Amino acid sequence: MFNFSRRNRRLVLATALLLAAPSLLFAWGNWGHQRINRAAVLALPAAMRTFFYNHIDYVVTESVIPDSRKYSINDKAEFPRHYIDLEEYGPVAEIPQAAADAYQKYGAEALDKHGRLPWYMQDMLGKLTQAMKNQRKDEILFLAADLGHYIGDAHQPLHTSSNHDGQRTGQRGIHAFYESQLPEQFGKNYNFKLAEPKLIQDPVAESWRIIAQSHAAIDSMLTIEKKLAGETPKEALYVLNADGQVKKNVFNSWVHTPAYSAAYHKALNNMIERQMRNAAQTTANFWYTAWVNAGKPDLTKLDTEYTTKSNQKNLQAELKLIQKGKLVDFSSFAEFPAN
């Protein structure tokens, strides 16, 4: 079993390293991933929610660690777990939906090149189910939090395409703009109230439904931005620094002006909010499915009575707040700080 205290120290170190790393692509960024996992915890039935809420800080923090494994320790095996380039696999109808069939058809090299996301979600669900059967506390928390990250990635449309940063349509930089700058700027008004989680009868089909839904949104998000950019003076697209150059954030991503961000966010007609809320709902559904398939183990026995009692006041406050669609205010690293 994992040493939880040592793992927490590793989380702090990995997060610090991530913030110092050069940016590539982070689905939803820290702000989005952390809120997806937090909303998912609050949506769980009471039999699960008590345990998960006891460790909500861990589940929220761990939600961004899969990206740390990519960029902080350069874990090559981690990269393909975050995306799938659907265009590179040929006709969708011919892509095997089940993980075992895909591994047999394509082999490791092709999967590592073009992405494993939907199949890895299936693998992670199986591992989480087994951890719940075994009542391995640290493994449950670790796997559940990481699974939430990959589900979040699957709901970011550009994680389903080889045109992952708009580089094929002359829109380079749209990845971070869509998934980080816009949620950070407007996310405080998003509604994160979810429905009760449902048992997923066919996780394989569900993982591909998510990918298909996300991929279908790509055309609109790119078309809308290209049209808007064409109608906007170049000097109004990006924030300029003191030298008159386009300002970049700590991850080397271009910073769009607040006005242009507002115009694009409005034109998307709540797309980002919907995708993030769907990601949180799906995460809750996957966690619930793992628990049901594991035989509905009593997770409350994994914590002391003191731990549970000490968290009840805050839990009730958050449950009251989420009825209004709001999450408790908590700090996330700002990739696009306001000032």
C-alpha atoms as a PDB file:
ATOM      1  CA  MET A   1       0.000   0.000   0.000  1.00  0.00           C
ATOM      2  CA  PHE A   2       1.179   3.513  -0.712  1.00  0.00           C
ATOM      3  CA  ASN A   3       2.633   5.589   2.116  1.00  0.00           C
ATOM      4  CA  PHE A   4       0.106   8.431   2.125  1.00  0.00           C
ATOM      5  CA  SER A   5       2.225  11.013   3.951  1.00  0.00           C
ATOM      6  CA  ARG A   6       5.175  10.415   1.655  1.00  0.00           C
ATOM      7  CA  ARG A   7       2.865  10.633  -1.339  1.00  0.00           C
ATOM      8  CA  ASN A   8       1.584  14.018  -0.178  1.00  0.00           C
ATOM      9  CA  ARG A   9       5.161  15.272  -0.048  1.00  0.00           C
ATOM     10  CA  ARG A  10       5.706  14.005  -3.580  1.00  0.00           C
ATOM     11  CA  LEU A  11       2.529  15.804  -4.689  1.00  0.00           C
ATOM     12  CA  VAL A  12       3.846  19.105  -3.370  1.00  0.00           C
ATOM     13  CA  LEU A  13       7.181  18.579  -5.118  1.00  0.00           C
ATOM     14  CA  ALA A  14       5.577  17.514  -8.395  1.00  0.00           C
ATOM     15  CA  THR A  15       3.252  20.502  -8.384  1.00  0.00           C
ATOM     16  CA  ALA A  16       6.158  22.867  -7.781  1.00  0.00           C
ATOM     17  CA  LEU A  17       8.095  21.297 -10.635  1.00  0.00           C
ATOM     18  CA  LEU A  18       5.080  21.530 -12.922  1.00  0.00           C
ATOM     19  CA  LEU A  19       4.783  25.249 -12.379  1.00  0.00           C
ATOM     20  CA  ALA A  20       8.437  25.660 -13.346  1.00  0.00           C
ATOM     21  CA  ALA A  21       8.163  23.538 -16.486  1.00  0.00           C
ATOM     22  CA  PRO A  22       7.799  24.957 -19.990  1.00  0.00           C
ATOM     23  CA  SER A  23       4.226  24.709 -21.185  1.00  0.00           C
ATOM     24  CA  LEU A  24       2.943  22.337 -23.764  1.00  0.00           C
ATOM     25  CA  LEU A  25      -0.715  21.391 -23.486  1.00  0.00           C
ATOM     26  CA  PHE A  26      -2.724  21.040 -20.275  1.00  0.00           C
ATOM     27  CA  ALA A  27      -6.385  20.056 -20.627  1.00  0.00           C
ATOM     28  CA  TRP A  28      -8.462  22.516 -18.578  1.00  0.00           C
ATOM     29  CA  GLY A  29      -5.380  23.623 -16.654  1.00  0.00           C
ATOM     30  CA  ASN A  30      -5.182  23.541 -12.871  1.00  0.00           C
ATOM     31  CA  TRP A  31      -8.322  25.635 -12.440  1.00  0.00           C
ATOM     32  CA  GLY A  32     -10.552  23.371 -14.485  1.00  0.00           C
ATOM     33  CA  HIS A  33      -9.280  19.946 -13.452  1.00  0.00           C
ATOM     34  CA  GLN A  34      -9.472  20.795  -9.771  1.00  0.00           C
ATOM     35  CA  ARG A  35     -13.050  22.013 -10.001  1.00  0.00           C
ATOM     36  CA  ILE A  36     -14.144  19.036 -12.065  1.00  0.00           C
ATOM     37  CA  ASN A  37     -12.956  16.656  -9.346  1.00  0.00           C
ATOM     38  CA  ARG A  38     -14.397  18.760  -6.521  1.00  0.00           C
ATOM     39  CA  ALA A  39     -17.831  18.939  -8.132  1.00  0.00           C
ATOM     40  CA  ALA A  40     -17.738  15.182  -8.740  1.00  0.00           C
ATOM     41  CA  VAL A  41     -17.089  14.475  -5.054  1.00  0.00           C
ATOM     42  CA  LEU A  42     -20.086  16.568  -3.999  1.00  0.00           C
ATOM     43  CA  ALA A  43     -22.368  14.727  -6.434  1.00  0.00           C
ATOM     44  CA  LEU A  44     -21.669  11.283  -4.962  1.00  0.00           C
ATOM     45  CA  PRO A  45     -24.277   9.434  -2.891  1.00  0.00           C
ATOM     46  CA  ALA A  46     -23.787   9.741   0.867  1.00  0.00           C
ATOM     47  CA  ALA A  47     -22.360   6.221   1.121  1.00  0.00           C
ATOM     48  CA  MET A  48     -19.408   7.328  -1.016  1.00  0.00           C
ATOM     49  CA  ARG A  49     -19.349  11.058  -0.433  1.00  0.00           C
ATOM     50  CA  THR A  50     -18.339  10.905   3.238  1.00  0.00           C
ATOM     51  CA  PHE A  51     -15.129   9.035   2.440  1.00  0.00           C
ATOM     52  CA  PHE A  52     -14.275  11.076  -0.638  1.00  0.00           C
ATOM     53  CA  TYR A  53     -14.954  14.363   1.132  1.00  0.00           C
ATOM     54  CA  ASN A  54     -12.675  13.358   3.998  1.00  0.00           C
ATOM     55  CA  HIS A  55      -9.896  13.421   1.398  1.00  0.00           C
ATOM     56  CA  ILE A  56     -11.194  16.100  -0.946  1.00  0.00           C
ATOM     57  CA  ASP A  57      -8.008  18.161  -0.752  1.00  0.00           C
ATOM     58  CA  TYR A  58      -6.036  15.171  -2.002  1.00  0.00           C
ATOM     59  CA  VAL A  59      -8.547  14.331  -4.740  1.00  0.00           C
ATOM     60  CA  VAL A  60      -8.498  17.947  -5.922  1.00  0.00           C
ATOM     61  CA  THR A  61      -4.707  18.322  -5.809  1.00  0.00           C
ATOM     62  CA  GLU A  62      -4.040  14.955  -7.433  1.00  0.00           C
ATOM     63  CA  SER A  63      -6.292  15.934 -10.343  1.00  0.00           C
ATOM     64  CA  VAL A  64      -3.403  17.803 -12.000  1.00  0.00           C
ATOM     65  CA  ILE A  65      -0.590  15.381 -11.193  1.00  0.00           C
ATOM     66  CA  PRO A  66      -0.936  13.345 -14.419  1.00  0.00           C
ATOM     67  CA  ASP A  67       0.296  16.478 -16.196  1.00  0.00           C
ATOM     68  CA  SER A  68       3.171  16.693 -13.713  1.00  0.00           C
ATOM     69  CA  ARG A  69       4.224  13.197 -14.676  1.00  0.00           C
ATOM     70  CA  LYS A  70       4.429  14.312 -18.299  1.00  0.00           C
ATOM     71  CA  TYR A  71       6.387  17.494 -17.920  1.00  0.00           C
ATOM     72  CA  SER A  72       8.117  17.378 -14.546  1.00  0.00           C
ATOM     73  CA  ILE A  73       9.597  13.888 -14.679  1.00  0.00           C
ATOM     74  CA  ASN A  74       9.241  13.380 -18.436  1.00  0.00           C
ATOM     75  CA  ASP A  75       7.328  10.124 -18.093  1.00  0.00           C
ATOM     76  CA  LYS A  76       7.070   9.057 -21.733  1.00  0.00           C
ATOM     77  CA  ALA A  77       4.360   6.515 -20.960  1.00  0.00           C
ATOM     78  CA  GLU A  78       2.124   9.279 -19.626  1.00  0.00           C
ATOM     79  CA  PHE A  79       1.809  11.428 -22.745  1.00  0.00           C
ATOM     80  CA  PRO A  80      -0.486   9.213 -24.894  1.00  0.00           C
ATOM     81  CA  ARG A  81      -2.909   8.687 -22.026  1.00  0.00           C
ATOM     82  CA  HIS A  82      -4.171  12.269 -22.384  1.00  0.00           C
ATOM     83  CA  TYR A  83      -5.380  12.372 -25.983  1.00  0.00           C
ATOM     84  CA  ILE A  84      -6.451  10.492 -29.073  1.00  0.00           C
ATOM     85  CA  ASP A  85      -5.824  11.775 -32.594  1.00  0.00           C
ATOM     86  CA  LEU A  86      -8.955  10.329 -34.150  1.00  0.00           C
ATOM     87  CA  GLU A  87      -8.007  11.396 -37.668  1.00  0.00           C
ATOM     88  CA  GLU A  88      -4.868   9.255 -37.523  1.00  0.00           C
ATOM     89  CA  TYR A  89      -6.726   6.026 -36.765  1.00  0.00           C
ATOM     90  CA  GLY A  90      -8.829   6.046 -39.922  1.00  0.00           C
ATOM     91  CA  PRO A  91     -12.615   5.613 -40.121  1.00  0.00           C
ATOM     92  CA  VAL A  92     -14.115   5.760 -36.637  1.00  0.00           C
ATOM     93  CA  ALA A  93     -16.293   2.734 -37.345  1.00  0.00           C
ATOM     94  CA  GLU A  94     -13.144   0.653 -37.801  1.00  0.00           C
ATOM     95  CA  ILE A  95     -11.455   1.698 -34.545  1.00  0.00           C
ATOM     96  CA  PRO A  96     -11.741  -1.038 -31.889  1.00  0.00           C
ATOM     97  CA  GLN A  97     -13.635   0.304 -28.905  1.00  0.00           C
ATOM     98  CA  ALA A  98     -12.345  -2.118 -26.285  1.00  0.00           C
ATOM     99  CA  ALA A  99      -8.835  -1.577 -24.957  1.00  0.00           C
ATOM    100  CA  ALA A 100      -7.638  -5.157 -25.464  1.00  0.00           C
ATOM    101  CA  ASP A 101      -8.755  -5.137 -29.109  1.00  0.00           C
ATOM    102  CA  ALA A 102      -7.050  -1.802 -29.764  1.00  0.00           C
ATOM    103  CA  TYR A 103      -3.774  -2.967 -28.228  1.00  0.00           C
ATOM    104  CA  GLN A 104      -3.853  -6.067 -30.394  1.00  0.00           C
ATOM    105  CA  LYS A 105      -4.695  -4.217 -33.617  1.00  0.00           C
ATOM    106  CA  TYR A 106      -2.355  -1.237 -33.386  1.00  0.00           C
ATOM    107  CA  GLY A 107       0.507  -2.179 -31.108  1.00  0.00           C
ATOM    108  CA  ALA A 108       2.299   0.010 -28.588  1.00  0.00           C
ATOM    109  CA  GLU A 109       4.158   2.215 -31.064  1.00  0.00           C
ATOM    110  CA  ALA A 110       1.049   3.428 -32.902  1.00  0.00           C
ATOM    111  CA  LEU A 111      -0.891   3.913 -29.676  1.00  0.00           C
ATOM    112  CA  ASP A 112       1.923   5.927 -28.139  1.00  0.00           C
ATOM    113  CA  LYS A 113       2.054   8.122 -31.225  1.00  0.00           C
ATOM    114  CA  HIS A 114      -1.654   8.736 -31.789  1.00  0.00           C
ATOM    115  CA  GLY A 115      -3.010   8.452 -28.256  1.00  0.00           C
ATOM    116  CA  ARG A 116      -4.691   5.995 -25.890  1.00  0.00           C
ATOM    117  CA  LEU A 117      -7.201   8.188 -24.038  1.00  0.00           C
ATOM    118  CA  PRO A 118     -10.527   6.272 -24.301  1.00  0.00           C
ATOM    119  CA  TRP A 119      -8.835   2.926 -23.784  1.00  0.00           C
ATOM    120  CA  TYR A 120      -6.872   4.181 -20.798  1.00  0.00           C
ATOM    121  CA  MET A 121     -10.085   5.435 -19.204  1.00  0.00           C
ATOM    122  CA  GLN A 122     -11.387   1.875 -19.463  1.00  0.00           C
ATOM    123  CA  ASP A 123      -8.214   0.493 -17.890  1.00  0.00           C
ATOM    124  CA  MET A 124      -8.375   2.986 -15.033  1.00  0.00           C
ATOM    125  CA  LEU A 125     -11.998   2.124 -14.290  1.00  0.00           C
ATOM    126  CA  GLY A 126     -11.005  -1.527 -13.965  1.00  0.00           C
ATOM    127  CA  LYS A 127      -8.143  -0.676 -11.615  1.00  0.00           C
ATOM    128  CA  LEU A 128     -10.348   1.561  -9.477  1.00  0.00           C
ATOM    129  CA  THR A 129     -12.977  -1.178  -9.225  1.00  0.00           C
ATOM    130  CA  GLN A 130     -10.346  -3.648  -8.029  1.00  0.00           C
ATOM    131  CA  ALA A 131      -8.950  -1.160  -5.507  1.00  0.00           C
ATOM    132  CA  MET A 132     -12.450  -0.717  -4.081  1.00  0.00           C
ATOM    133  CA  LYS A 133     -12.936  -4.481  -3.878  1.00  0.00           C
ATOM    134  CA  ASN A 134      -9.671  -4.733  -1.964  1.00  0.00           C
ATOM    135  CA  GLN A 135     -10.550  -1.644   0.108  1.00  0.00           C
ATOM    136  CA  ARG A 136      -7.098  -0.205  -0.531  1.00  0.00           C
ATOM    137  CA  LYS A 137      -7.660   3.327   0.690  1.00  0.00           C
ATOM    138  CA  ASP A 138      -4.688   5.072  -0.885  1.00  0.00           C
ATOM    139  CA  GLU A 139      -5.147   3.284  -4.200  1.00  0.00           C
ATOM    140  CA  ILE A 140      -8.830   4.233  -4.315  1.00  0.00           C
ATOM    141  CA  LEU A 141      -8.024   7.905  -3.844  1.00  0.00           C
ATOM    142  CA  PHE A 142      -5.064   7.911  -6.210  1.00  0.00           C
ATOM    143  CA  LEU A 143      -6.857   6.071  -9.012  1.00  0.00           C
ATOM    144  CA  ALA A 144     -10.129   7.990  -8.624  1.00  0.00           C
ATOM    145  CA  ALA A 145      -8.386  11.361  -8.759  1.00  0.00           C
ATOM    146  CA  ASP A 146      -6.295  10.387 -11.783  1.00  0.00           C
ATOM    147  CA  LEU A 147      -9.304   8.912 -13.575  1.00  0.00           C
ATOM    148  CA  GLY A 148     -11.021  12.274 -13.116  1.00  0.00           C
ATOM    149  CA  HIS A 149      -8.119  13.920 -14.927  1.00  0.00           C
ATOM    150  CA  TYR A 150      -8.375  11.663 -17.974  1.00  0.00           C
ATOM    151  CA  ILE A 151     -12.146  12.059 -18.098  1.00  0.00           C
ATOM    152  CA  GLY A 152     -11.604  15.807 -18.010  1.00  0.00           C
ATOM    153  CA  ASP A 153      -9.174  15.515 -20.915  1.00  0.00           C
ATOM    154  CA  ALA A 154     -11.724  13.501 -22.884  1.00  0.00           C
ATOM    155  CA  HIS A 155     -14.193  16.386 -22.582  1.00  0.00           C
ATOM    156  CA  GLN A 156     -11.732  18.902 -24.028  1.00  0.00           C
ATOM    157  CA  PRO A 157     -12.456  18.760 -27.788  1.00  0.00           C
ATOM    158  CA  LEU A 158      -8.876  19.445 -28.875  1.00  0.00           C
ATOM    159  CA  HIS A 159      -7.692  16.347 -26.999  1.00  0.00           C
ATOM    160  CA  THR A 160      -9.483  14.253 -29.613  1.00  0.00           C
ATOM    161  CA  SER A 161      -7.767  15.720 -32.675  1.00  0.00           C
ATOM    162  CA  SER A 162      -4.342  15.888 -34.281  1.00  0.00           C
ATOM    163  CA  ASN A 163      -5.103  19.604 -34.778  1.00  0.00           C
ATOM    164  CA  HIS A 164      -4.628  19.871 -31.030  1.00  0.00           C
ATOM    165  CA  ASP A 165      -3.427  23.483 -30.960  1.00  0.00           C
ATOM    166  CA  GLY A 166      -5.069  24.829 -34.104  1.00  0.00           C
ATOM    167  CA  GLN A 167      -1.741  24.473 -35.912  1.00  0.00           C
ATOM    168  CA  ARG A 168      -3.432  23.063 -39.012  1.00  0.00           C
ATOM    169  CA  THR A 169      -5.984  25.854 -39.266  1.00  0.00           C
ATOM    170  CA  GLY A 170      -3.775  28.855 -38.532  1.00  0.00           C
ATOM    171  CA  GLN A 171      -5.039  29.136 -34.956  1.00  0.00           C
ATOM    172  CA  ARG A 172      -1.990  28.182 -32.935  1.00  0.00           C
ATOM    173  CA  GLY A 173      -2.473  28.997 -29.269  1.00  0.00           C
ATOM    174  CA  ILE A 174      -6.177  28.203 -29.147  1.00  0.00           C
ATOM    175  CA  HIS A 175      -5.621  25.183 -26.889  1.00  0.00           C
ATOM    176  CA  ALA A 176      -4.522  27.133 -23.815  1.00  0.00           C
ATOM    177  CA  PHE A 177      -6.872  29.988 -24.691  1.00  0.00           C
ATOM    178  CA  TYR A 178      -9.905  27.693 -24.669  1.00  0.00           C
ATOM    179  CA  GLU A 179      -9.097  25.450 -21.734  1.00  0.00           C
ATOM    180  CA  SER A 180      -7.246  27.769 -19.345  1.00  0.00           C
ATOM    181  CA  GLN A 181      -7.599  31.491 -20.012  1.00  0.00           C
ATOM    182  CA  LEU A 182     -11.350  31.436 -20.597  1.00  0.00           C
ATOM    183  CA  PRO A 183     -12.262  29.260 -17.571  1.00  0.00           C
ATOM    184  CA  GLU A 184      -9.986  31.306 -15.323  1.00  0.00           C
ATOM    185  CA  GLN A 185     -11.569  34.537 -16.546  1.00  0.00           C
ATOM    186  CA  PHE A 186     -15.220  33.464 -16.550  1.00  0.00           C
ATOM    187  CA  GLY A 187     -15.448  30.238 -14.533  1.00  0.00           C
ATOM    188  CA  LYS A 188     -16.576  31.917 -11.328  1.00  0.00           C
ATOM    189  CA  ASN A 189     -20.027  32.144 -12.917  1.00  0.00           C
ATOM    190  CA  TYR A 190     -20.201  28.501 -14.027  1.00  0.00           C
ATOM    191  CA  ASN A 191     -22.856  26.210 -12.580  1.00  0.00           C
ATOM    192  CA  PHE A 192     -21.361  23.003 -11.150  1.00  0.00           C
ATOM    193  CA  LYS A 193     -24.523  21.451  -9.739  1.00  0.00           C
ATOM    194  CA  LEU A 194     -24.728  17.870 -10.986  1.00  0.00           C
ATOM    195  CA  ALA A 195     -27.310  15.121 -11.063  1.00  0.00           C
ATOM    196  CA  GLU A 196     -27.003  12.002  -8.934  1.00  0.00           C
ATOM    197  CA  PRO A 197     -24.449   9.681 -10.528  1.00  0.00           C
ATOM    198  CA  LYS A 198     -25.726   6.817 -12.650  1.00  0.00           C
ATOM    199  CA  LEU A 199     -24.400   3.316 -13.143  1.00  0.00           C
ATOM    200  CA  ILE A 200     -22.652   3.018 -16.493  1.00  0.00           C
ATOM    201  CA  GLN A 201     -23.939  -0.192 -18.037  1.00  0.00           C
ATOM    202  CA  ASP A 202     -21.378  -0.227 -20.855  1.00  0.00           C
ATOM    203  CA  PRO A 203     -18.186   1.670 -19.920  1.00  0.00           C
ATOM    204  CA  VAL A 204     -16.565   0.874 -23.271  1.00  0.00           C
ATOM    205  CA  ALA A 205     -19.406   2.444 -25.234  1.00  0.00           C
ATOM    206  CA  GLU A 206     -19.583   5.344 -22.776  1.00  0.00           C
ATOM    207  CA  SER A 207     -15.904   6.190 -23.190  1.00  0.00           C
ATOM    208  CA  TRP A 208     -16.399   6.411 -26.946  1.00  0.00           C
ATOM    209  CA  ARG A 209     -19.622   8.396 -26.635  1.00  0.00           C
ATOM    210  CA  ILE A 210     -17.634  11.013 -24.724  1.00  0.00           C
ATOM    211  CA  ILE A 211     -14.876  11.114 -27.339  1.00  0.00           C
ATOM    212  CA  ALA A 212     -17.406  11.424 -30.169  1.00  0.00           C
ATOM    213  CA  GLN A 213     -19.299  14.230 -28.429  1.00  0.00           C
ATOM    214  CA  SER A 214     -16.107  16.167 -27.759  1.00  0.00           C
ATOM    215  CA  HIS A 215     -14.782  15.673 -31.276  1.00  0.00           C
ATOM    216  CA  ALA A 216     -18.052  16.933 -32.743  1.00  0.00           C
ATOM    217  CA  ALA A 217     -17.526  20.276 -30.984  1.00  0.00           C
ATOM    218  CA  ILE A 218     -14.186  21.002 -32.663  1.00  0.00           C
ATOM    219  CA  ASP A 219     -15.565  22.432 -35.880  1.00  0.00           C
ATOM    220  CA  SER A 220     -17.711  25.018 -34.097  1.00  0.00           C
ATOM    221  CA  MET A 221     -15.032  26.147 -31.642  1.00  0.00           C
ATOM    222  CA  LEU A 222     -12.483  26.612 -34.442  1.00  0.00           C
ATOM    223  CA  THR A 223     -14.892  28.189 -36.929  1.00  0.00           C
ATOM    224  CA  ILE A 224     -16.220  30.650 -34.362  1.00  0.00           C
ATOM    225  CA  GLU A 225     -12.727  31.732 -33.317  1.00  0.00           C
ATOM    226  CA  LYS A 226     -11.448  32.098 -36.874  1.00  0.00           C
ATOM    227  CA  LYS A 227     -14.441  34.250 -37.850  1.00  0.00           C
ATOM    228  CA  LEU A 228     -14.103  36.379 -34.735  1.00  0.00           C
ATOM    229  CA  ALA A 229     -10.354  36.837 -35.223  1.00  0.00           C
ATOM    230  CA  GLY A 230     -10.970  37.956 -38.803  1.00  0.00           C
ATOM    231  CA  GLU A 231     -13.378  40.626 -37.594  1.00  0.00           C
ATOM    232  CA  THR A 232     -11.085  41.884 -34.823  1.00  0.00           C
ATOM    233  CA  PRO A 233      -8.190  44.336 -35.328  1.00  0.00           C
ATOM    234  CA  LYS A 234      -4.883  42.564 -34.759  1.00  0.00           C
ATOM    235  CA  GLU A 235      -3.930  44.966 -31.999  1.00  0.00           C
ATOM    236  CA  ALA A 236      -7.080  43.951 -30.111  1.00  0.00           C
ATOM    237  CA  LEU A 237      -6.329  40.214 -30.137  1.00  0.00           C
ATOM    238  CA  TYR A 238      -3.427  39.994 -27.712  1.00  0.00           C
ATOM    239  CA  VAL A 239      -2.116  41.799 -24.659  1.00  0.00           C
ATOM    240  CA  LEU A 240       1.196  43.524 -25.409  1.00  0.00           C
ATOM    241  CA  ASN A 241       4.096  43.880 -22.997  1.00  0.00           C
ATOM    242  CA  ALA A 242       6.165  47.023 -22.412  1.00  0.00           C
ATOM    243  CA  ASP A 243       8.281  46.225 -25.482  1.00  0.00           C
ATOM    244  CA  GLY A 244       5.248  46.005 -27.732  1.00  0.00           C
ATOM    245  CA  GLN A 245       5.547  42.234 -28.037  1.00  0.00           C
ATOM    246  CA  VAL A 246       2.706  39.794 -27.457  1.00  0.00           C
ATOM    247  CA  LYS A 247       2.611  38.967 -23.766  1.00  0.00           C
ATOM    248  CA  LYS A 248       3.116  35.324 -22.795  1.00  0.00           C
ATOM    249  CA  ASN A 249       2.196  33.601 -19.572  1.00  0.00           C
ATOM    250  CA  VAL A 250       4.474  31.483 -17.404  1.00  0.00           C
ATOM    251  CA  PHE A 251       3.865  28.522 -19.731  1.00  0.00           C
ATOM    252  CA  ASN A 252       4.795  30.515 -22.839  1.00  0.00           C
ATOM    253  CA  SER A 253       1.195  30.774 -24.080  1.00  0.00           C
ATOM    254  CA  TRP A 254      -0.061  33.963 -25.746  1.00  0.00           C
ATOM    255  CA  VAL A 255      -2.347  36.097 -23.599  1.00  0.00           C
ATOM    256  CA  HIS A 256      -5.501  37.327 -25.338  1.00  0.00           C
ATOM    257  CA  THR A 257      -7.081  40.640 -24.395  1.00  0.00           C
ATOM    258  CA  PRO A 258      -9.968  40.569 -21.909  1.00  0.00           C
ATOM    259  CA  ALA A 259     -12.284  42.017 -24.565  1.00  0.00           C
ATOM    260  CA  TYR A 260     -11.425  39.369 -27.153  1.00  0.00           C
ATOM    261  CA  SER A 261     -11.689  36.642 -24.520  1.00  0.00           C
ATOM    262  CA  ALA A 262     -15.136  37.909 -23.564  1.00  0.00           C
ATOM    263  CA  ALA A 263     -16.266  38.000 -27.188  1.00  0.00           C
ATOM    264  CA  TYR A 264     -15.082  34.449 -27.890  1.00  0.00           C
ATOM    265  CA  HIS A 265     -16.484  33.099 -24.640  1.00  0.00           C
ATOM    266  CA  LYS A 266     -19.878  34.621 -25.432  1.00  0.00           C
ATOM    267  CA  ALA A 267     -19.814  33.317 -29.007  1.00  0.00           C
ATOM    268  CA  LEU A 268     -19.161  29.782 -27.733  1.00  0.00           C
ATOM    269  CA  ASN A 269     -22.584  29.957 -26.060  1.00  0.00           C
ATOM    270  CA  ASN A 270     -21.641  28.234 -22.780  1.00  0.00           C
ATOM    271  CA  MET A 271     -19.696  25.440 -24.493  1.00  0.00           C
ATOM    272  CA  ILE A 272     -16.849  25.457 -21.969  1.00  0.00           C
ATOM    273  CA  GLU A 273     -19.194  25.439 -18.987  1.00  0.00           C
ATOM    274  CA  ARG A 274     -21.149  22.528 -20.493  1.00  0.00           C
ATOM    275  CA  GLN A 275     -18.015  20.513 -21.232  1.00  0.00           C
ATOM    276  CA  MET A 276     -16.628  21.036 -17.741  1.00  0.00           C
ATOM    277  CA  ARG A 277     -19.923  20.180 -16.068  1.00  0.00           C
ATOM    278  CA  ASN A 278     -20.265  17.090 -18.270  1.00  0.00           C
ATOM    279  CA  ALA A 279     -16.728  16.087 -17.288  1.00  0.00           C
ATOM    280  CA  ALA A 280     -17.596  16.383 -13.598  1.00  0.00           C
ATOM    281  CA  GLN A 281     -20.819  14.409 -14.070  1.00  0.00           C
ATOM    282  CA  THR A 282     -19.026  11.677 -15.990  1.00  0.00           C
ATOM    283  CA  THR A 283     -16.314  11.498 -13.336  1.00  0.00           C
ATOM    284  CA  ALA A 284     -18.951  10.969 -10.643  1.00  0.00           C
ATOM    285  CA  ASN A 285     -20.614   8.333 -12.837  1.00  0.00           C
ATOM    286  CA  PHE A 286     -17.346   6.427 -13.328  1.00  0.00           C
ATOM    287  CA  TRP A 287     -16.487   6.519  -9.613  1.00  0.00           C
ATOM    288  CA  TYR A 288     -19.992   5.352  -8.739  1.00  0.00           C
ATOM    289  CA  THR A 289     -19.827   2.557 -11.306  1.00  0.00           C
ATOM    290  CA  ALA A 290     -16.528   1.312  -9.862  1.00  0.00           C
ATOM    291  CA  TRP A 291     -18.056   1.291  -6.378  1.00  0.00           C
ATOM    292  CA  VAL A 292     -21.211  -0.567  -7.460  1.00  0.00           C
ATOM    293  CA  ASN A 293     -19.243  -3.117  -9.480  1.00  0.00           C
ATOM    294  CA  ALA A 294     -16.968  -3.638  -6.477  1.00  0.00           C
ATOM    295  CA  GLY A 295     -19.986  -4.671  -4.406  1.00  0.00           C
ATOM    296  CA  LYS A 296     -20.658  -1.318  -2.724  1.00  0.00           C
ATOM    297  CA  PRO A 297     -17.977  -1.648  -0.019  1.00  0.00           C
ATOM    298  CA  ASP A 298     -18.366   0.409   3.158  1.00  0.00           C
ATOM    299  CA  LEU A 299     -15.765   3.100   2.515  1.00  0.00           C
ATOM    300  CA  THR A 300     -16.479   4.879   5.802  1.00  0.00           C
ATOM    301  CA  LYS A 301     -14.625   2.078   7.614  1.00  0.00           C
ATOM    302  CA  LEU A 302     -11.418   3.220   5.929  1.00  0.00           C
ATOM    303  CA  ASP A 303     -11.345   6.394   8.051  1.00  0.00           C
ATOM    304  CA  THR A 304     -11.497   7.026  11.776  1.00  0.00           C
ATOM    305  CA  GLU A 305     -14.621   8.447  13.356  1.00  0.00           C
ATOM    306  CA  TYR A 306     -12.603  11.526  14.288  1.00  0.00           C
ATOM    307  CA  THR A 307     -11.652  12.174  10.648  1.00  0.00           C
ATOM    308  CA  THR A 308     -15.252  11.947   9.499  1.00  0.00           C
ATOM    309  CA  LYS A 309     -16.642  14.106  12.300  1.00  0.00           C
ATOM    310  CA  SER A 310     -14.022  16.793  11.783  1.00  0.00           C
ATOM    311  CA  ASN A 311     -15.071  17.206   8.141  1.00  0.00           C
ATOM    312  CA  GLN A 312     -18.851  17.202   8.547  1.00  0.00           C
ATOM    313  CA  LYS A 313     -19.297  20.931   9.130  1.00  0.00           C
ATOM    314  CA  ASN A 314     -17.405  21.868   5.976  1.00  0.00           C
ATOM    315  CA  LEU A 315     -19.160  19.149   3.990  1.00  0.00           C
ATOM    316  CA  GLN A 316     -22.599  20.460   4.923  1.00  0.00           C
ATOM    317  CA  ALA A 317     -21.547  23.989   4.005  1.00  0.00           C
ATOM    318  CA  GLU A 318     -20.332  22.849   0.583  1.00  0.00           C
ATOM    319  CA  LEU A 319     -23.478  20.813  -0.048  1.00  0.00           C
ATOM    320  CA  LYS A 320     -25.567  23.893   0.683  1.00  0.00           C
ATOM    321  CA  LEU A 321     -23.439  25.974  -1.662  1.00  0.00           C
ATOM    322  CA  ILE A 322     -23.521  23.463  -4.525  1.00  0.00           C
ATOM    323  CA  GLN A 323     -27.330  23.580  -4.522  1.00  0.00           C
ATOM    324  CA  LYS A 324     -26.832  27.037  -6.019  1.00  0.00           C
ATOM    325  CA  GLY A 325     -24.353  25.625  -8.510  1.00  0.00           C
ATOM    326  CA  LYS A 326     -21.366  27.098  -6.694  1.00  0.00           C
ATOM    327  CA  LEU A 327     -18.188  25.549  -5.368  1.00  0.00           C
ATOM    328  CA  VAL A 328     -16.382  26.794  -2.302  1.00  0.00           C
ATOM    329  CA  ASP A 329     -13.750  29.373  -3.151  1.00  0.00           C
ATOM    330  CA  PHE A 330     -10.311  27.780  -3.160  1.00  0.00           C
ATOM    331  CA  SER A 331      -6.982  28.717  -4.648  1.00  0.00           C
ATOM    332  CA  SER A 332      -5.611  27.249  -7.882  1.00  0.00           C
ATOM    333  CA  PHE A 333      -2.454  28.240  -9.682  1.00  0.00           C
ATOM    334  CA  ALA A 334      -3.426  30.934 -12.198  1.00  0.00           C
ATOM    335  CA  GLU A 335      -1.930  30.259 -15.611  1.00  0.00           C
ATOM    336  CA  PHE A 336      -3.379  33.553 -16.853  1.00  0.00           C
ATOM    337  CA  PRO A 337      -3.349  35.904 -13.833  1.00  0.00           C
ATOM    338  CA  ALA A 338      -5.543  38.982 -14.132  1.00  0.00           C
ATOM    339  CA  ASN A 339      -2.650  41.327 -13.369  1.00  0.00           C
END
